[in-house]
Amino acid sequence: MNAPGSAAVRAVADAVLYEGYLLYPYRSTSGKNQSRWQFGVLGPEGAARSGFGEDAEISAQCLIEAGEGASIQLAVRFLHLQRREAQDRDGTPTAELVVGAQSWITWDEAVEGEIAFGPMPPDDMTLPLSVPGGTEVEQICDAGGDPAGRLVRTRFSLAGELTLAAEKDGPYLRFTVRVRNAGAPAADSRDAIARSFIGAHVIAELEGGQFISLLEPEQDAAAAAERCVHHRCFPVLAGPEGDRSTLLISPIILYDYPRIAEQSEGALFDSTEIDEILTLRVMTMTDEEKAQARATDPRAAQIIDRCDAMTPESMQQLHGVLRDPHLGEPRLVPEIPEGVDWWDPLADTAVAPESDAVSVNGIRVSKGSRVRLHPSRRADAQDLFFDGQIARVTTVHEDVDGQAHVGVVIEDDPAADLHEWYGRYLYFAPDEIEPVSSPEK
């Protein structure tokens, strides 16, 4: 059985899995790394109530258009805490084992876990999540090949449940996915995290049907989408744009069809920090600080090595790419001629606010158009008084960021003509106005 999710989907899921795994400056001596903090931690029963762990479950509901014989595959993915204890050659625990130029610190690592189910009908069922514990010993030798110490890695067993439920909601199937930690209660915070599913999320893949976007549902599905309930996670469409066969149920808020930026050289873990800024910070660390980070965790060592190997070209790529979010939308305000800066007086000749236009709901709005105002929450207090008022458009502008602004005067304002003569307009964004027809003559 192949686990669900393409390579692109799993790349995003891996980012979810490790986000917050280890925080800059990636050293165990840093206070913020003394206590593990990540998204999607499912703690043992009672740990959240006791104040030393997190809630035991995540759950989400999604909508499915299911055809005859539809089947679903699910993969529950998580990190499993692994305690790494450094010991000297006599087997005595030590805070740090130093052998030649290398060192290892006693530290809590983590290993990836994944449990796959299906294909199976999208129906009611409860499935066990059983993860064995274990102990592994890694011998560390000196340059001469003689034993110099060892690393003892220990994992507690984990127990959980995947509960699925399906019910009809009009023409759709409302499908519930719940992941719960069903393990024994923990004694304290250190015990709780060792018995937790960390970074827990689910990849779902449907055959013989399709998922409905809950962020942008079709009009017929909007009411059913609003009835879907979620706890500590949210389902988004994943995979190729337009494909509706794959869902990522994530403890981090994402949009439909999330992608890893092609400019990103690799994971940095640090709670959604910007790659370029964080890379520059790593490059400023001293050699001693970098050595401490390498001794803390193998994944920290990979980050340090990758940042040290950055070329000027790689750094330039991290600077990102400027994309026009409105690309493809109708541009009724003329563009500034190529080679002319926005602050150049020549740029003023490219636009004419009294004749330029903007498209609102597919309707051309320009000087003389009548609109109804719907100020949003970003408006100031005075603008909110104009909610529902009819206004007449006087000008259309575009700022240097490409955002349109529509100048209006209130139709029922006795001083409207004076405001228009003087150029004293109220300004609203296109999504704050609704075109209305002209009054009957």
Protein backbone atom coordinates (compact mmCIF):
# COMPACT_ATOMS: atom_id res chain seq x y z
CA MET A 1 0.00 0.00 0.00
CA ASN A 2 1.36 3.40 -0.98
CA ALA A 3 1.00 6.11 1.65
CA PRO A 4 -1.22 9.01 0.48
CA GLY A 5 0.17 12.32 -0.70
CA SER A 6 2.54 13.32 -3.49
CA ALA A 7 6.10 14.51 -2.89
CA ALA A 8 4.91 18.13 -3.00
CA VAL A 9 2.18 17.47 -0.42
CA ARG A 10 4.62 15.66 1.84
CA ALA A 11 7.13 18.51 1.60
CA VAL A 12 4.50 20.84 3.05
CA ALA A 13 3.50 18.22 5.62
CA ASP A 14 7.16 17.88 6.67
CA ALA A 15 7.32 21.65 7.21
CA VAL A 16 4.27 21.33 9.46
CA LEU A 17 5.85 18.36 11.24
CA TYR A 18 9.06 20.20 12.16
CA GLU A 19 7.86 23.79 12.62
CA GLY A 20 9.07 24.84 16.05
CA TYR A 21 11.15 21.66 16.50
CA LEU A 22 14.24 23.67 17.48
CA LEU A 23 14.47 27.45 17.75
CA TYR A 24 17.30 29.81 16.87
CA PRO A 25 20.10 29.87 18.06
CA TYR A 26 19.59 26.05 17.97
CA ARG A 27 21.47 25.45 21.23
CA SER A 28 20.31 23.49 24.24
CA THR A 29 21.63 26.31 26.45
CA SER A 30 19.07 28.73 24.98
CA GLY A 31 16.15 29.22 27.37
CA LYS A 32 13.52 28.83 24.64
CA ASN A 33 14.90 25.38 23.79
CA GLN A 34 14.68 24.15 27.38
CA SER A 35 11.04 23.23 26.85
CA ARG A 36 9.91 21.74 23.54
CA TRP A 37 7.27 23.83 21.81
CA GLN A 38 5.53 22.83 18.60
CA PHE A 39 2.19 22.87 16.84
CA GLY A 40 -0.13 19.87 17.01
CA VAL A 41 1.07 18.26 20.24
CA LEU A 42 -1.35 15.61 21.51
CA GLY A 43 -0.63 15.10 25.18
CA PRO A 44 -1.62 12.18 27.41
CA GLU A 45 -5.09 12.20 28.91
CA GLY A 46 -5.36 14.73 31.73
CA ALA A 47 -2.07 16.51 30.98
CA ALA A 48 -3.80 19.68 29.76
CA ARG A 49 -6.07 19.84 32.82
CA SER A 50 -3.06 19.38 35.08
CA GLY A 51 -1.21 22.23 33.38
CA PHE A 52 1.89 20.30 32.29
CA GLY A 53 0.83 19.07 28.85
CA GLU A 54 -1.43 19.74 25.89
CA ASP A 55 -4.91 18.65 24.86
CA ALA A 56 -5.17 14.99 23.90
CA GLU A 57 -6.80 15.38 20.49
CA ILE A 58 -7.27 17.21 17.22
CA SER A 59 -10.33 16.86 15.00
CA ALA A 60 -11.63 18.25 11.74
CA GLN A 61 -14.65 17.86 9.51
CA CYS A 62 -14.53 18.03 5.73
CA LEU A 63 -17.04 17.74 2.92
CA ILE A 64 -16.88 14.99 0.31
CA GLU A 65 -18.68 14.55 -2.98
CA ALA A 66 -18.55 10.76 -2.95
CA GLY A 67 -19.23 8.64 -6.00
CA GLU A 68 -20.21 4.99 -6.08
CA GLY A 69 -17.52 2.88 -4.39
CA ALA A 70 -15.48 5.87 -3.17
CA SER A 71 -12.50 4.99 -0.95
CA ILE A 72 -10.14 6.95 1.23
CA GLN A 73 -6.55 6.56 2.41
CA LEU A 74 -5.27 8.28 5.54
CA ALA A 75 -1.81 8.80 6.98
CA VAL A 76 -1.41 10.01 10.56
CA ARG A 77 2.03 11.62 10.84
CA PHE A 78 3.84 12.86 13.97
CA LEU A 79 7.16 13.15 15.78
CA HIS A 80 8.03 10.76 18.62
CA LEU A 81 10.31 12.15 21.33
CA GLN A 82 13.62 10.31 21.73
CA ARG A 83 15.80 11.01 24.75
CA ARG A 84 19.49 10.94 23.94
CA GLU A 85 21.70 10.46 26.98
CA ALA A 86 25.45 10.95 26.64
CA GLN A 87 27.57 8.54 28.67
CA ASP A 88 31.33 8.32 29.17
CA ARG A 89 33.39 5.21 28.48
CA ASP A 90 32.36 3.78 31.88
CA GLY A 91 28.65 4.21 31.13
CA THR A 92 28.24 7.14 33.52
CA PRO A 93 25.72 9.77 32.31
CA THR A 94 27.30 13.12 31.43
CA ALA A 95 25.89 16.44 30.27
CA GLU A 96 28.32 16.48 27.33
CA LEU A 97 30.49 13.85 25.69
CA VAL A 98 33.54 15.29 23.91
CA VAL A 99 35.61 13.09 21.60
CA GLY A 100 38.24 14.86 19.56
CA ALA A 101 36.69 17.82 17.73
CA GLN A 102 33.14 16.50 18.16
CA SER A 103 30.77 16.71 21.08
CA TRP A 104 27.30 15.43 21.95
CA ILE A 105 24.96 16.93 24.54
CA THR A 106 22.32 15.02 26.47
CA TRP A 107 19.24 16.14 24.60
CA ASP A 108 15.69 15.23 23.53
CA GLU A 109 15.67 14.42 19.82
CA ALA A 110 12.66 13.16 17.86
CA VAL A 111 12.01 10.53 15.21
CA GLU A 112 9.33 10.63 12.53
CA GLY A 113 6.30 8.40 12.84
CA GLU A 114 3.62 7.59 10.28
CA ILE A 115 0.70 5.17 10.40
CA ALA A 116 -1.26 4.63 7.18
CA PHE A 117 -4.77 3.24 6.73
CA GLY A 118 -6.79 2.22 3.67
CA PRO A 119 -7.95 2.24 1.01
CA MET A 120 -11.28 1.88 2.79
CA PRO A 121 -14.80 3.30 2.52
CA PRO A 122 -15.30 6.73 4.15
CA ASP A 123 -17.40 5.30 6.99
CA ASP A 124 -17.66 5.17 10.78
CA MET A 125 -14.79 3.34 12.47
CA THR A 126 -12.14 3.59 15.18
CA LEU A 127 -8.60 2.46 14.41
CA PRO A 128 -5.73 2.00 16.90
CA LEU A 129 -2.50 3.99 16.77
CA SER A 130 0.20 1.88 18.36
CA VAL A 131 3.82 3.03 18.45
CA PRO A 132 6.37 0.84 20.25
CA GLY A 133 9.04 2.26 22.49
CA GLY A 134 12.64 1.11 22.52
CA THR A 135 16.26 1.74 23.39
CA GLU A 136 19.19 2.09 20.99
CA VAL A 137 22.88 2.41 21.85
CA GLU A 138 25.44 4.12 19.63
CA GLN A 139 29.09 3.54 20.52
CA ILE A 140 31.42 6.53 20.07
CA CYS A 141 35.07 5.76 19.38
CA ASP A 142 38.16 7.96 19.45
CA ALA A 143 40.58 8.49 16.54
CA GLY A 144 42.32 5.21 17.39
CA GLY A 145 39.08 3.23 17.26
CA ASP A 146 38.88 2.68 21.02
CA PRO A 147 35.53 3.17 22.85
CA ALA A 148 35.30 6.72 24.22
CA GLY A 149 31.65 6.80 25.26
CA ARG A 150 28.20 6.10 23.96
CA LEU A 151 24.81 7.65 23.21
CA VAL A 152 21.75 5.89 24.63
CA ARG A 153 18.48 6.79 22.89
CA THR A 154 15.20 5.89 24.61
CA ARG A 155 11.59 6.20 23.42
CA PHE A 156 8.41 5.54 25.39
CA SER A 157 5.59 3.68 23.66
CA LEU A 158 2.64 5.72 22.37
CA ALA A 159 -1.00 4.71 22.14
CA GLY A 160 -3.76 6.54 20.33
CA GLU A 161 -6.92 6.27 18.26
CA LEU A 162 -8.01 7.46 14.84
CA THR A 163 -11.78 7.87 14.86
CA LEU A 164 -13.71 8.39 11.60
CA ALA A 165 -17.37 9.30 11.21
CA ALA A 166 -19.53 10.04 8.18
CA GLU A 167 -22.97 11.62 7.91
CA LYS A 168 -25.01 13.03 5.05
CA ASP A 169 -25.37 16.79 4.69
CA GLY A 170 -27.56 17.33 1.63
CA PRO A 171 -25.71 16.03 -1.43
CA TYR A 172 -22.42 15.91 0.51
CA LEU A 173 -20.83 13.58 3.02
CA ARG A 174 -19.56 15.34 6.13
CA PHE A 175 -16.52 13.32 7.17
CA THR A 176 -14.99 13.66 10.64
CA VAL A 177 -11.37 12.79 11.38
CA ARG A 178 -10.29 12.71 15.02
CA VAL A 179 -6.82 11.80 16.30
CA ARG A 180 -6.53 11.21 20.06
CA ASN A 181 -3.75 10.28 22.43
CA ALA A 182 -5.11 7.33 24.41
CA GLY A 183 -1.92 6.62 26.36
CA ALA A 184 -1.46 6.36 30.11
CA PRO A 185 -1.52 9.58 32.14
CA ALA A 186 1.80 11.36 32.64
CA ALA A 187 3.42 12.25 35.93
CA ASP A 188 4.89 15.64 34.98
CA SER A 189 5.73 17.88 32.00
CA ARG A 190 8.86 15.93 31.06
CA ASP A 191 6.93 12.68 31.11
CA ALA A 192 4.01 14.26 29.22
CA ILE A 193 6.03 15.39 26.20
CA ALA A 194 7.75 12.01 26.00
CA ARG A 195 4.31 10.36 25.74
CA SER A 196 2.89 12.87 23.22
CA PHE A 197 2.25 12.74 19.49
CA ILE A 198 4.15 15.87 18.36
CA GLY A 199 3.33 17.88 15.24
CA ALA A 200 0.40 15.57 14.55
CA HIS A 201 -1.39 16.00 11.23
CA VAL A 202 -3.24 13.87 8.68
CA ILE A 203 -2.95 13.44 4.91
CA ALA A 204 -6.14 12.14 3.29
CA GLU A 205 -6.46 10.94 -0.29
CA LEU A 206 -9.80 10.19 -1.92
CA GLU A 207 -10.55 7.95 -4.88
CA GLY A 208 -13.94 7.96 -6.58
CA GLY A 209 -14.90 11.36 -5.19
CA GLN A 210 -13.59 14.81 -4.37
CA PHE A 211 -13.16 17.08 -1.38
CA ILE A 212 -14.88 20.47 -1.15
CA SER A 213 -12.78 23.51 -0.27
CA LEU A 214 -13.88 24.89 3.09
CA LEU A 215 -12.07 28.16 2.43
CA GLU A 216 -13.72 28.83 -0.92
CA PRO A 217 -16.68 26.46 -1.24
CA GLU A 218 -19.01 26.57 -4.22
CA GLN A 219 -22.19 28.51 -3.51
CA ASP A 220 -24.25 25.32 -3.15
CA ALA A 221 -21.80 23.97 -0.54
CA ALA A 222 -21.33 27.18 1.47
CA ALA A 223 -23.95 26.39 4.14
CA ALA A 224 -22.67 22.84 4.61
CA ALA A 225 -19.09 24.14 4.87
CA GLU A 226 -20.11 26.51 7.65
CA ARG A 227 -21.52 23.57 9.60
CA CYS A 228 -18.13 21.80 9.66
CA VAL A 229 -16.48 21.93 13.09
CA HIS A 230 -12.74 21.82 13.83
CA HIS A 231 -10.61 21.49 16.94
CA ARG A 232 -6.94 22.61 16.88
CA CYS A 233 -6.55 21.94 13.14
CA PHE A 234 -8.04 22.78 9.74
CA PRO A 235 -8.34 20.84 6.46
CA VAL A 236 -7.07 22.40 3.22
CA LEU A 237 -6.89 21.10 -0.33
CA ALA A 238 -3.39 19.93 -1.23
CA GLY A 239 -1.59 18.65 -4.30
CA PRO A 240 -1.67 20.19 -7.81
CA GLU A 241 -3.73 23.35 -8.20
CA GLY A 242 -7.31 22.41 -9.03
CA ASP A 243 -6.99 18.79 -7.86
CA ARG A 244 -9.51 17.91 -5.15
CA SER A 245 -8.46 14.39 -4.26
CA THR A 246 -5.99 15.25 -1.47
CA LEU A 247 -6.53 16.96 1.87
CA LEU A 248 -4.00 18.08 4.47
CA ILE A 249 -5.44 18.38 7.98
CA SER A 250 -2.92 20.70 9.60
CA PRO A 251 -2.47 22.20 13.09
CA ILE A 252 -0.99 25.27 11.36
CA ILE A 253 -3.30 27.62 9.47
CA LEU A 254 -2.70 27.16 5.72
CA TYR A 255 -4.44 28.10 2.51
CA ASP A 256 -5.62 25.67 -0.18
CA TYR A 257 -2.79 24.17 -2.25
CA PRO A 258 0.08 25.31 0.02
CA ARG A 259 3.59 25.12 -1.42
CA ILE A 260 7.14 25.34 -0.14
CA ALA A 261 8.74 28.43 -1.69
CA GLU A 262 11.18 27.38 -4.38
CA GLN A 263 13.63 29.95 -2.99
CA SER A 264 13.85 28.09 0.35
CA GLU A 265 17.08 26.09 0.69
CA GLY A 266 15.72 23.92 3.50
CA ALA A 267 13.83 23.84 6.80
CA LEU A 268 14.85 26.22 9.60
CA PHE A 269 12.16 25.09 12.11
CA ASP A 270 11.98 28.45 13.87
CA SER A 271 8.20 29.01 14.08
CA THR A 272 7.62 30.45 10.57
CA GLU A 273 10.55 32.90 10.76
CA ILE A 274 11.68 34.43 7.45
CA ASP A 275 14.41 32.31 5.84
CA GLU A 276 16.65 35.18 4.77
CA ILE A 277 16.67 36.91 8.15
CA LEU A 278 17.24 33.67 10.05
CA THR A 279 20.03 32.56 7.70
CA LEU A 280 21.82 35.89 8.21
CA ARG A 281 21.45 35.49 11.98
CA VAL A 282 23.00 32.00 11.84
CA MET A 283 25.91 33.34 9.79
CA THR A 284 26.68 35.85 12.56
CA MET A 285 27.07 33.13 15.21
CA THR A 286 30.56 32.54 16.57
CA ASP A 287 32.41 29.28 15.89
CA GLU A 288 31.84 28.29 19.53
CA GLU A 289 28.09 28.93 19.26
CA LYS A 290 27.92 26.92 16.04
CA ALA A 291 29.76 24.04 17.69
CA GLN A 292 27.25 24.07 20.56
CA ALA A 293 24.37 23.97 18.07
CA ARG A 294 25.94 21.04 16.21
CA ALA A 295 26.35 19.19 19.51
CA THR A 296 22.69 19.78 20.39
CA ASP A 297 20.90 18.03 17.53
CA PRO A 298 21.84 16.48 14.16
CA ARG A 299 19.19 18.58 12.43
CA ALA A 300 20.66 21.73 13.98
CA ALA A 301 24.05 20.66 12.64
CA GLN A 302 22.52 20.40 9.14
CA ILE A 303 21.15 23.94 9.40
CA ILE A 304 24.51 25.36 10.53
CA ASP A 305 26.37 23.53 7.76
CA ARG A 306 23.89 24.66 5.12
CA CYS A 307 24.09 28.31 6.21
CA ASP A 308 27.90 28.15 6.29
CA ALA A 309 27.89 26.86 2.71
CA MET A 310 25.61 29.62 1.37
CA THR A 311 26.90 31.30 -1.77
CA PRO A 312 26.14 34.90 -2.78
CA GLU A 313 23.80 33.49 -5.45
CA SER A 314 21.95 31.40 -2.85
CA MET A 315 21.57 34.44 -0.60
CA GLN A 316 20.22 36.47 -3.49
CA GLN A 317 17.65 33.77 -4.17
CA LEU A 318 16.54 33.89 -0.52
CA HIS A 319 15.74 37.57 -1.02
CA GLY A 320 12.60 36.33 -2.74
CA VAL A 321 10.60 37.19 -5.82
CA LEU A 322 8.16 40.06 -6.21
CA ARG A 323 4.90 38.79 -7.66
CA ASP A 324 1.91 40.92 -8.65
CA PRO A 325 -1.04 39.53 -6.65
CA HIS A 326 -3.39 41.15 -9.14
CA LEU A 327 -1.76 39.61 -12.21
CA GLY A 328 -4.44 38.67 -14.71
CA GLU A 329 -7.04 41.05 -13.29
CA PRO A 330 -8.33 43.80 -15.58
CA ARG A 331 -6.18 46.92 -15.32
CA LEU A 332 -8.35 49.94 -16.06
CA VAL A 333 -5.84 52.38 -14.53
CA PRO A 334 -2.96 52.79 -17.03
CA GLU A 335 0.47 51.56 -15.97
CA ILE A 336 3.35 53.96 -15.51
CA PRO A 337 5.53 53.77 -18.65
CA GLU A 338 8.47 51.40 -18.44
CA GLY A 339 11.63 53.15 -17.25
CA VAL A 340 9.73 55.88 -15.41
CA ASP A 341 9.87 55.84 -11.60
CA TRP A 342 6.65 56.45 -9.68
CA TRP A 343 8.10 59.61 -8.12
CA ASP A 344 9.06 61.07 -11.48
CA PRO A 345 6.69 63.93 -12.51
CA LEU A 346 6.39 62.21 -15.90
CA ALA A 347 4.54 59.39 -14.13
CA ASP A 348 1.67 61.78 -13.41
CA THR A 349 0.90 62.02 -17.11
CA ALA A 350 0.24 58.26 -17.31
CA VAL A 351 -2.86 58.42 -15.10
CA ALA A 352 -6.03 60.49 -15.15
CA PRO A 353 -8.06 59.96 -11.94
CA GLU A 354 -11.09 61.72 -13.44
CA SER A 355 -11.33 59.27 -16.34
CA ASP A 356 -9.59 56.10 -15.08
CA ALA A 357 -11.75 53.23 -13.87
CA VAL A 358 -11.78 50.13 -11.67
CA SER A 359 -13.70 46.87 -12.07
CA VAL A 360 -16.04 45.96 -9.20
CA ASN A 361 -17.94 42.67 -9.50
CA GLY A 362 -17.30 42.81 -13.23
CA ILE A 363 -18.80 46.30 -13.54
CA ARG A 364 -16.72 49.26 -14.71
CA VAL A 365 -16.73 52.01 -12.08
CA SER A 366 -15.47 55.49 -12.96
CA LYS A 367 -16.37 59.15 -12.46
CA GLY A 368 -20.13 59.54 -12.31
CA SER A 369 -20.86 55.95 -11.25
CA ARG A 370 -23.27 55.50 -8.35
CA VAL A 371 -22.20 53.11 -5.60
CA ARG A 372 -23.41 51.93 -2.22
CA LEU A 373 -20.79 52.14 0.54
CA HIS A 374 -19.89 49.19 2.77
CA PRO A 375 -16.90 50.31 4.90
CA SER A 376 -14.91 47.38 6.26
CA ARG A 377 -13.49 46.99 9.76
CA ARG A 378 -10.24 48.58 8.59
CA ALA A 379 -12.11 51.87 7.97
CA ASP A 380 -11.87 54.71 10.46
CA ALA A 381 -14.76 55.50 12.81
CA GLN A 382 -16.15 58.33 10.68
CA ASP A 383 -16.32 56.20 7.53
CA LEU A 384 -18.44 53.64 9.38
CA PHE A 385 -21.24 56.24 9.59
CA PHE A 386 -21.57 56.06 5.80
CA ASP A 387 -22.41 52.34 5.71
CA GLY A 388 -25.26 51.78 3.26
CA GLN A 389 -25.16 55.34 1.88
CA ILE A 390 -25.33 56.01 -1.85
CA ALA A 391 -22.33 57.94 -3.19
CA ARG A 392 -21.17 59.31 -6.53
CA VAL A 393 -17.70 58.41 -7.79
CA THR A 394 -15.48 61.40 -8.54
CA THR A 395 -12.00 59.90 -9.10
CA VAL A 396 -10.16 56.58 -9.29
CA HIS A 397 -6.57 56.33 -8.05
CA GLU A 398 -3.89 53.66 -7.70
CA ASP A 399 -1.07 53.82 -5.15
CA VAL A 400 2.55 52.71 -5.67
CA ASP A 401 1.68 49.22 -4.34
CA GLY A 402 -0.96 48.77 -7.05
CA GLN A 403 -3.94 49.16 -4.69
CA ALA A 404 -6.95 51.03 -6.11
CA HIS A 405 -8.78 53.80 -4.21
CA VAL A 406 -12.12 55.24 -5.25
CA GLY A 407 -12.94 58.88 -4.40
CA VAL A 408 -16.61 59.61 -3.74
CA VAL A 409 -19.00 62.24 -2.44
CA ILE A 410 -22.15 61.29 -0.53
CA GLU A 411 -25.21 61.81 -2.71
CA ASP A 412 -27.45 63.02 0.14
CA ASP A 413 -24.82 65.40 1.51
CA PRO A 414 -26.10 68.99 0.99
CA ALA A 415 -22.47 70.05 0.54
CA ALA A 416 -21.68 67.34 -2.06
CA ASP A 417 -21.22 69.83 -4.91
CA LEU A 418 -18.97 71.98 -2.74
CA HIS A 419 -16.84 68.97 -1.75
CA GLU A 420 -16.55 67.94 -5.39
CA TRP A 421 -15.59 71.46 -6.51
CA TYR A 422 -12.99 71.69 -3.76
CA GLY A 423 -11.67 68.13 -4.29
CA ARG A 424 -12.51 67.00 -0.79
CA TYR A 425 -13.47 63.38 -1.32
CA LEU A 426 -13.98 60.27 0.80
CA TYR A 427 -11.87 57.29 -0.31
CA PHE A 428 -12.83 53.63 -0.28
CA ALA A 429 -11.29 50.41 -1.58
CA PRO A 430 -13.07 48.63 -4.45
CA ASP A 431 -14.21 45.84 -2.11
CA GLU A 432 -15.95 48.46 0.06
CA ILE A 433 -18.28 49.69 -2.71
CA GLU A 434 -21.22 48.12 -4.53
CA PRO A 435 -22.22 49.47 -7.94
CA VAL A 436 -25.88 50.51 -8.19
CA SER A 437 -27.92 51.49 -11.20
CA SER A 438 -28.64 55.11 -12.02
CA PRO A 439 -31.90 56.53 -10.69
CA GLU A 440 -34.88 56.26 -13.00
CA LYS A 441 -35.62 59.42 -14.95
